[in-house]
Amino acid sequence: MDIALMSMSLSQGKVQQQASLSVMKMAMGNAEQQGEAVKELINSSNVKALQQAAQPHLGGNIDLKL
């Protein structure tokens, strides 16, 4: 294997590793933001909002009989 080809291969590997690391950092940032939002929702005193977030389909309709 010639030195120029080896250099190009190493350079491509380094670029791929940097791109992978950047994507992982973005994913970790998103997960951290979502975790903070869940933590804030749980710590809030608004239990009704927490119940609505857990089961959004409940409580939207009322059945009445006259």
C-alpha atoms as a PDB file:
ATOM      1  CA  MET A   1       0.000   0.000   0.000  1.00  0.00           C
ATOM      2  CA  ASP A   2       1.429   3.308  -0.901  1.00  0.00           C
ATOM      3  CA  ILE A   3       1.808   6.183   1.580  1.00  0.00           C
ATOM      4  CA  ALA A   4      -0.566   8.582  -0.212  1.00  0.00           C
ATOM      5  CA  LEU A   5      -3.367   6.000  -0.226  1.00  0.00           C
ATOM      6  CA  MET A   6      -2.790   5.216   3.445  1.00  0.00           C
ATOM      7  CA  SER A   7      -2.855   8.912   4.293  1.00  0.00           C
ATOM      8  CA  MET A   8      -6.150   9.388   2.449  1.00  0.00           C
ATOM      9  CA  SER A   9      -7.686   6.390   4.214  1.00  0.00           C
ATOM     10  CA  LEU A  10      -6.664   7.664   7.632  1.00  0.00           C
ATOM     11  CA  SER A  11      -7.976  11.128   6.818  1.00  0.00           C
ATOM     12  CA  GLN A  12     -11.353   9.733   5.694  1.00  0.00           C
ATOM     13  CA  GLY A  13     -11.592   7.656   8.859  1.00  0.00           C
ATOM     14  CA  LYS A  14     -10.891  10.720  10.962  1.00  0.00           C
ATOM     15  CA  VAL A  15     -13.614  12.732   9.186  1.00  0.00           C
ATOM     16  CA  GLN A  16     -16.121   9.898   9.639  1.00  0.00           C
ATOM     17  CA  GLN A  17     -15.274   9.679  13.329  1.00  0.00           C
ATOM     18  CA  GLN A  18     -15.720  13.436  13.780  1.00  0.00           C
ATOM     19  CA  ALA A  19     -19.091  13.353  12.002  1.00  0.00           C
ATOM     20  CA  SER A  20     -20.224  10.436  14.134  1.00  0.00           C
ATOM     21  CA  LEU A  21     -19.182  12.260  17.294  1.00  0.00           C
ATOM     22  CA  SER A  22     -21.070  15.388  16.228  1.00  0.00           C
ATOM     23  CA  VAL A  23     -24.261  13.418  15.606  1.00  0.00           C
ATOM     24  CA  MET A  24     -23.922  11.684  18.977  1.00  0.00           C
ATOM     25  CA  LYS A  25     -23.446  15.031  20.759  1.00  0.00           C
ATOM     26  CA  MET A  26     -26.593  16.392  19.081  1.00  0.00           C
ATOM     27  CA  ALA A  27     -28.573  13.314  20.138  1.00  0.00           C
ATOM     28  CA  MET A  28     -27.307  13.623  23.707  1.00  0.00           C
ATOM     29  CA  GLY A  29     -28.305  17.298  23.773  1.00  0.00           C
ATOM     30  CA  ASN A  30     -31.815  16.445  22.588  1.00  0.00           C
ATOM     31  CA  ALA A  31     -32.151  13.662  25.166  1.00  0.00           C
ATOM     32  CA  GLU A  32     -30.986  16.022  27.895  1.00  0.00           C
ATOM     33  CA  GLN A  33     -33.563  18.645  26.883  1.00  0.00           C
ATOM     34  CA  GLN A  34     -36.333  16.054  26.866  1.00  0.00           C
ATOM     35  CA  GLY A  35     -35.235  14.787  30.269  1.00  0.00           C
ATOM     36  CA  GLU A  36     -35.312  18.297  31.689  1.00  0.00           C
ATOM     37  CA  ALA A  37     -38.812  18.829  30.290  1.00  0.00           C
ATOM     38  CA  VAL A  38     -40.056  15.589  31.870  1.00  0.00           C
ATOM     39  CA  LYS A  39     -38.385  16.476  35.158  1.00  0.00           C
ATOM     40  CA  GLU A  40     -40.017  19.924  35.119  1.00  0.00           C
ATOM     41  CA  LEU A  41     -43.412  18.410  34.337  1.00  0.00           C
ATOM     42  CA  ILE A  42     -43.114  15.899  37.170  1.00  0.00           C
ATOM     43  CA  ASN A  43     -41.947  18.532  39.645  1.00  0.00           C
ATOM     44  CA  SER A  44     -44.778  20.893  38.747  1.00  0.00           C
ATOM     45  CA  SER A  45     -47.730  20.998  41.076  1.00  0.00           C
ATOM     46  CA  ASN A  46     -50.138  20.794  38.152  1.00  0.00           C
ATOM     47  CA  VAL A  47     -51.248  17.162  38.430  1.00  0.00           C
ATOM     48  CA  LYS A  48     -53.978  17.636  35.837  1.00  0.00           C
ATOM     49  CA  ALA A  49     -51.422  18.603  33.176  1.00  0.00           C
ATOM     50  CA  LEU A  50     -49.348  15.539  34.035  1.00  0.00           C
ATOM     51  CA  GLN A  51     -52.383  13.262  33.733  1.00  0.00           C
ATOM     52  CA  GLN A  52     -53.364  14.885  30.431  1.00  0.00           C
ATOM     53  CA  ALA A  53     -49.850  14.368  29.057  1.00  0.00           C
ATOM     54  CA  ALA A  54     -49.851  10.699  30.104  1.00  0.00           C
ATOM     55  CA  GLN A  55     -53.308   9.946  28.667  1.00  0.00           C
ATOM     56  CA  PRO A  56     -54.320  12.715  26.239  1.00  0.00           C
ATOM     57  CA  HIS A  57     -57.381  10.842  24.922  1.00  0.00           C
ATOM     58  CA  LEU A  58     -59.154  10.780  28.311  1.00  0.00           C
ATOM     59  CA  GLY A  59     -61.411  13.565  29.539  1.00  0.00           C
ATOM     60  CA  GLY A  60     -62.164  15.127  26.186  1.00  0.00           C
ATOM     61  CA  ASN A  61     -65.830  14.051  26.037  1.00  0.00           C
ATOM     62  CA  ILE A  62     -68.690  13.960  28.516  1.00  0.00           C
ATOM     63  CA  ASP A  63     -71.699  11.655  28.089  1.00  0.00           C
ATOM     64  CA  LEU A  64     -74.958  13.153  29.361  1.00  0.00           C
ATOM     65  CA  LYS A  65     -78.398  11.556  29.665  1.00  0.00           C
ATOM     66  CA  LEU A  66     -81.434  13.721  30.277  1.00  0.00           C
END
